[in-house]
């Protein structure tokens, strides 16, 4: 009886670890370093095909092999000038959002940007999470499914 219990415990622990790995494997994370100057913005072009190793699907869709429900992008932003005596506002914006080059489909993509960020002498981590909203109908879904999502991320540091 003890051997059976021990065997079941090992199977449970192994199975739980495999399930946890499978869950976390559905989240794609990529990081990139960005250096900006005061009053000199930097624009990073993002093609989600370069970052995601799966098909981005809406949150409410059924997850299959090769699908992900979100792609997380991490940017480490540093100033080119070091040893500042002031805190600067760090503005982040997402512009030129398109699906397969079509900006009319941009409403299906959700990329919230953080606000109220500041930067001084230390690097700042900026995280963007890309998700798909549910398309309005089957015709819109056919235009969106498995298509490349592109956008630009603009970083600016300005005096307060």
C-alpha atoms as a PDB file:
ATOM      1  CA  UNK A   1       0.000   0.000   0.000  1.00  0.00           C
ATOM      2  CA  UNK A   2       2.836   2.420   0.829  1.00  0.00           C
ATOM      3  CA  UNK A   3       4.528   1.677  -2.499  1.00  0.00           C
ATOM      4  CA  UNK A   4       1.308   2.441  -4.345  1.00  0.00           C
ATOM      5  CA  UNK A   5       0.889   5.700  -2.419  1.00  0.00           C
ATOM      6  CA  UNK A   6       4.512   6.676  -3.116  1.00  0.00           C
ATOM      7  CA  UNK A   7       4.095   5.868  -6.812  1.00  0.00           C
ATOM      8  CA  UNK A   8       0.904   7.936  -7.021  1.00  0.00           C
ATOM      9  CA  UNK A   9       2.636  10.828  -5.265  1.00  0.00           C
ATOM     10  CA  UNK A  10       5.536  10.753  -7.751  1.00  0.00           C
ATOM     11  CA  UNK A  11       3.130  10.612 -10.704  1.00  0.00           C
ATOM     12  CA  UNK A  12       1.116  13.515  -9.258  1.00  0.00           C
ATOM     13  CA  UNK A  13       4.205  15.671  -8.680  1.00  0.00           C
ATOM     14  CA  UNK A  14       5.603  14.944 -12.135  1.00  0.00           C
ATOM     15  CA  UNK A  15       2.243  15.543 -13.791  1.00  0.00           C
ATOM     16  CA  UNK A  16       1.778  18.832 -11.904  1.00  0.00           C
ATOM     17  CA  UNK A  17       5.216  20.026 -13.007  1.00  0.00           C
ATOM     18  CA  UNK A  18       4.505  19.090 -16.623  1.00  0.00           C
ATOM     19  CA  UNK A  19       1.151  20.899 -16.528  1.00  0.00           C
ATOM     20  CA  UNK A  20       2.732  24.009 -14.979  1.00  0.00           C
ATOM     21  CA  UNK A  21       5.414  24.009 -17.677  1.00  0.00           C
ATOM     22  CA  UNK A  22       2.790  23.616 -20.390  1.00  0.00           C
ATOM     23  CA  UNK A  23       0.853  26.606 -18.989  1.00  0.00           C
ATOM     24  CA  UNK A  24       3.863  28.906 -18.732  1.00  0.00           C
ATOM     25  CA  UNK A  25       5.058  27.768 -22.139  1.00  0.00           C
ATOM     26  CA  UNK A  26       1.976  29.483 -23.598  1.00  0.00           C
ATOM     27  CA  UNK A  27       3.357  32.914 -22.647  1.00  0.00           C
ATOM     28  CA  UNK A  28       5.904  34.278 -25.085  1.00  0.00           C
ATOM     29  CA  UNK A  29       8.358  36.793 -23.577  1.00  0.00           C
ATOM     30  CA  UNK A  30      11.048  38.696 -25.433  1.00  0.00           C
ATOM     31  CA  UNK A  31      13.300  41.457 -24.164  1.00  0.00           C
ATOM     32  CA  UNK A  32      15.210  44.230 -25.900  1.00  0.00           C
ATOM     33  CA  UNK A  33      17.468  47.077 -24.772  1.00  0.00           C
ATOM     34  CA  UNK A  34      16.744  50.687 -25.754  1.00  0.00           C
ATOM     35  CA  UNK A  35      18.993  53.712 -25.195  1.00  0.00           C
ATOM     36  CA  UNK A  36      17.475  57.176 -25.493  1.00  0.00           C
ATOM     37  CA  UNK A  37      18.671  60.746 -25.089  1.00  0.00           C
ATOM     38  CA  UNK A  38      16.873  63.662 -23.457  1.00  0.00           C
ATOM     39  CA  UNK A  39      14.389  65.050 -25.963  1.00  0.00           C
ATOM     40  CA  UNK A  40      15.539  62.518 -28.572  1.00  0.00           C
ATOM     41  CA  UNK A  41      12.956  59.797 -29.048  1.00  0.00           C
ATOM     42  CA  UNK A  42      13.704  56.291 -30.211  1.00  0.00           C
ATOM     43  CA  UNK A  43      11.323  54.186 -32.288  1.00  0.00           C
ATOM     44  CA  UNK A  44      11.557  50.393 -32.244  1.00  0.00           C
ATOM     45  CA  UNK A  45       9.728  48.537 -35.019  1.00  0.00           C
ATOM     46  CA  UNK A  46       8.074  45.331 -33.878  1.00  0.00           C
ATOM     47  CA  UNK A  47       6.970  42.477 -36.100  1.00  0.00           C
ATOM     48  CA  UNK A  48       5.222  39.961 -33.875  1.00  0.00           C
ATOM     49  CA  UNK A  49       6.310  37.121 -36.180  1.00  0.00           C
ATOM     50  CA  UNK A  50       9.858  37.821 -34.937  1.00  0.00           C
ATOM     51  CA  UNK A  51       8.821  37.534 -31.280  1.00  0.00           C
ATOM     52  CA  UNK A  52       6.073  34.900 -31.016  1.00  0.00           C
ATOM     53  CA  UNK A  53       6.644  31.209 -31.544  1.00  0.00           C
ATOM     54  CA  UNK A  54       2.980  30.485 -32.060  1.00  0.00           C
ATOM     55  CA  UNK A  55      -0.278  31.854 -33.322  1.00  0.00           C
ATOM     56  CA  UNK A  56      -1.702  34.688 -31.246  1.00  0.00           C
ATOM     57  CA  UNK A  57      -5.366  33.967 -30.590  1.00  0.00           C
ATOM     58  CA  UNK A  58      -8.088  35.912 -28.740  1.00  0.00           C
ATOM     59  CA  UNK A  59      -8.460  35.362 -24.993  1.00  0.00           C
ATOM     60  CA  UNK A  60     -11.856  33.653 -25.409  1.00  0.00           C
ATOM     61  CA  UNK A  61     -10.689  31.243 -28.146  1.00  0.00           C
ATOM     62  CA  UNK A  62      -9.838  27.599 -27.488  1.00  0.00           C
ATOM     63  CA  UNK A  63      -6.082  27.115 -27.017  1.00  0.00           C
ATOM     64  CA  UNK A  64      -4.555  24.459 -29.303  1.00  0.00           C
ATOM     65  CA  UNK A  65      -0.978  23.321 -29.871  1.00  0.00           C
ATOM     66  CA  UNK A  66       1.053  26.219 -31.248  1.00  0.00           C
ATOM     67  CA  UNK A  67      -1.346  28.903 -29.961  1.00  0.00           C
ATOM     68  CA  UNK A  68      -0.591  31.645 -27.442  1.00  0.00           C
ATOM     69  CA  UNK A  69      -3.038  34.072 -25.858  1.00  0.00           C
ATOM     70  CA  UNK A  70      -0.538  36.876 -25.305  1.00  0.00           C
ATOM     71  CA  UNK A  71       2.970  37.923 -26.195  1.00  0.00           C
ATOM     72  CA  UNK A  72       4.928  39.919 -23.635  1.00  0.00           C
ATOM     73  CA  UNK A  73       7.627  42.317 -24.817  1.00  0.00           C
ATOM     74  CA  UNK A  74      10.129  43.711 -22.326  1.00  0.00           C
ATOM     75  CA  UNK A  75      12.249  46.761 -23.050  1.00  0.00           C
ATOM     76  CA  UNK A  76      15.112  47.892 -20.823  1.00  0.00           C
ATOM     77  CA  UNK A  77      15.321  51.649 -21.336  1.00  0.00           C
ATOM     78  CA  UNK A  78      18.458  53.566 -20.373  1.00  0.00           C
ATOM     79  CA  UNK A  79      19.519  57.159 -20.884  1.00  0.00           C
ATOM     80  CA  UNK A  80      22.565  57.917 -22.986  1.00  0.00           C
ATOM     81  CA  UNK A  81      23.451  60.678 -20.493  1.00  0.00           C
ATOM     82  CA  UNK A  82      24.349  59.345 -17.067  1.00  0.00           C
ATOM     83  CA  UNK A  83      24.478  61.092 -13.660  1.00  0.00           C
ATOM     84  CA  UNK A  84      21.476  63.330 -14.067  1.00  0.00           C
ATOM     85  CA  UNK A  85      20.346  65.457 -11.164  1.00  0.00           C
ATOM     86  CA  UNK A  86      16.729  65.391 -12.276  1.00  0.00           C
ATOM     87  CA  UNK A  87      13.984  62.872 -12.900  1.00  0.00           C
ATOM     88  CA  UNK A  88      12.612  62.775 -16.442  1.00  0.00           C
ATOM     89  CA  UNK A  89       9.206  61.677 -17.713  1.00  0.00           C
ATOM     90  CA  UNK A  90       9.419  58.517 -19.808  1.00  0.00           C
ATOM     91  CA  UNK A  91       6.685  58.419 -22.404  1.00  0.00           C
ATOM     92  CA  UNK A  92       5.872  55.196 -24.254  1.00  0.00           C
ATOM     93  CA  UNK A  93       3.467  54.971 -27.169  1.00  0.00           C
ATOM     94  CA  UNK A  94       2.430  52.363 -29.713  1.00  0.00           C
ATOM     95  CA  UNK A  95       1.935  53.745 -33.217  1.00  0.00           C
ATOM     96  CA  UNK A  96       1.420  52.420 -36.760  1.00  0.00           C
ATOM     97  CA  UNK A  97      -0.431  49.303 -35.569  1.00  0.00           C
ATOM     98  CA  UNK A  98      -1.407  46.996 -38.443  1.00  0.00           C
ATOM     99  CA  UNK A  99      -2.347  43.399 -39.175  1.00  0.00           C
ATOM    100  CA  UNK A 100      -0.756  42.136 -42.379  1.00  0.00           C
ATOM    101  CA  UNK A 101      -0.191  45.775 -43.329  1.00  0.00           C
ATOM    102  CA  UNK A 102      -3.861  46.726 -42.843  1.00  0.00           C
ATOM    103  CA  UNK A 103      -4.319  49.533 -40.301  1.00  0.00           C
ATOM    104  CA  UNK A 104      -8.132  49.155 -40.511  1.00  0.00           C
ATOM    105  CA  UNK A 105      -7.805  45.929 -38.483  1.00  0.00           C
ATOM    106  CA  UNK A 106      -5.790  47.548 -35.671  1.00  0.00           C
ATOM    107  CA  UNK A 107      -8.845  47.641 -33.380  1.00  0.00           C
ATOM    108  CA  UNK A 108      -8.553  43.861 -32.977  1.00  0.00           C
ATOM    109  CA  UNK A 109      -5.111  44.201 -31.334  1.00  0.00           C
ATOM    110  CA  UNK A 110      -4.758  45.342 -27.733  1.00  0.00           C
ATOM    111  CA  UNK A 111      -1.367  46.737 -26.628  1.00  0.00           C
ATOM    112  CA  UNK A 112      -1.863  48.827 -23.487  1.00  0.00           C
ATOM    113  CA  UNK A 113       1.053  51.114 -22.692  1.00  0.00           C
ATOM    114  CA  UNK A 114       2.185  52.001 -19.187  1.00  0.00           C
ATOM    115  CA  UNK A 115       1.782  55.621 -18.095  1.00  0.00           C
ATOM    116  CA  UNK A 116       3.358  57.723 -15.378  1.00  0.00           C
ATOM    117  CA  UNK A 117       6.851  56.298 -15.956  1.00  0.00           C
ATOM    118  CA  UNK A 118       9.966  58.219 -14.985  1.00  0.00           C
ATOM    119  CA  UNK A 119      13.639  57.661 -15.676  1.00  0.00           C
ATOM    120  CA  UNK A 120      16.820  58.990 -14.108  1.00  0.00           C
ATOM    121  CA  UNK A 121      20.173  57.184 -13.889  1.00  0.00           C
ATOM    122  CA  UNK A 122      18.973  53.598 -13.563  1.00  0.00           C
ATOM    123  CA  UNK A 123      17.487  51.486 -16.358  1.00  0.00           C
ATOM    124  CA  UNK A 124      13.689  51.216 -16.471  1.00  0.00           C
ATOM    125  CA  UNK A 125      11.869  48.010 -17.433  1.00  0.00           C
ATOM    126  CA  UNK A 126       8.912  48.619 -19.754  1.00  0.00           C
ATOM    127  CA  UNK A 127       6.563  45.701 -20.400  1.00  0.00           C
ATOM    128  CA  UNK A 128       4.009  45.561 -23.182  1.00  0.00           C
ATOM    129  CA  UNK A 129       1.540  42.709 -23.485  1.00  0.00           C
ATOM    130  CA  UNK A 130       0.059  42.096 -26.933  1.00  0.00           C
ATOM    131  CA  UNK A 131      -3.368  40.445 -27.037  1.00  0.00           C
ATOM    132  CA  UNK A 132      -6.059  39.937 -29.632  1.00  0.00           C
ATOM    133  CA  UNK A 133      -9.629  41.048 -29.099  1.00  0.00           C
ATOM    134  CA  UNK A 134     -12.350  38.837 -30.506  1.00  0.00           C
ATOM    135  CA  UNK A 135     -13.026  39.826 -34.145  1.00  0.00           C
ATOM    136  CA  UNK A 136     -16.517  41.168 -34.872  1.00  0.00           C
ATOM    137  CA  UNK A 137     -17.499  38.348 -37.222  1.00  0.00           C
ATOM    138  CA  UNK A 138     -16.177  35.425 -39.254  1.00  0.00           C
ATOM    139  CA  UNK A 139     -15.142  37.630 -42.174  1.00  0.00           C
ATOM    140  CA  UNK A 140     -12.984  39.797 -39.906  1.00  0.00           C
ATOM    141  CA  UNK A 141     -11.581  36.663 -38.237  1.00  0.00           C
ATOM    142  CA  UNK A 142     -10.502  35.324 -41.651  1.00  0.00           C
ATOM    143  CA  UNK A 143      -8.611  38.586 -42.283  1.00  0.00           C
ATOM    144  CA  UNK A 144      -6.862  38.417 -38.891  1.00  0.00           C
ATOM    145  CA  UNK A 145      -6.068  34.756 -38.243  1.00  0.00           C
ATOM    146  CA  UNK A 146      -2.400  33.776 -38.513  1.00  0.00           C
ATOM    147  CA  UNK A 147      -1.456  37.203 -39.905  1.00  0.00           C
ATOM    148  CA  UNK A 148       1.582  39.220 -38.851  1.00  0.00           C
ATOM    149  CA  UNK A 149       0.993  42.076 -36.419  1.00  0.00           C
ATOM    150  CA  UNK A 150       3.331  45.047 -36.753  1.00  0.00           C
ATOM    151  CA  UNK A 151       3.682  48.274 -34.811  1.00  0.00           C
ATOM    152  CA  UNK A 152       6.242  50.796 -33.645  1.00  0.00           C
ATOM    153  CA  UNK A 153       7.035  51.488 -29.993  1.00  0.00           C
ATOM    154  CA  UNK A 154       8.167  55.061 -29.388  1.00  0.00           C
ATOM    155  CA  UNK A 155      10.164  56.037 -26.287  1.00  0.00           C
ATOM    156  CA  UNK A 156      10.721  59.664 -25.252  1.00  0.00           C
ATOM    157  CA  UNK A 157      12.417  61.181 -22.188  1.00  0.00           C
ATOM    158  CA  UNK A 158      11.386  64.763 -21.449  1.00  0.00           C
ATOM    159  CA  UNK A 159      11.997  67.183 -18.614  1.00  0.00           C
ATOM    160  CA  UNK A 160       9.174  67.478 -16.112  1.00  0.00           C
END
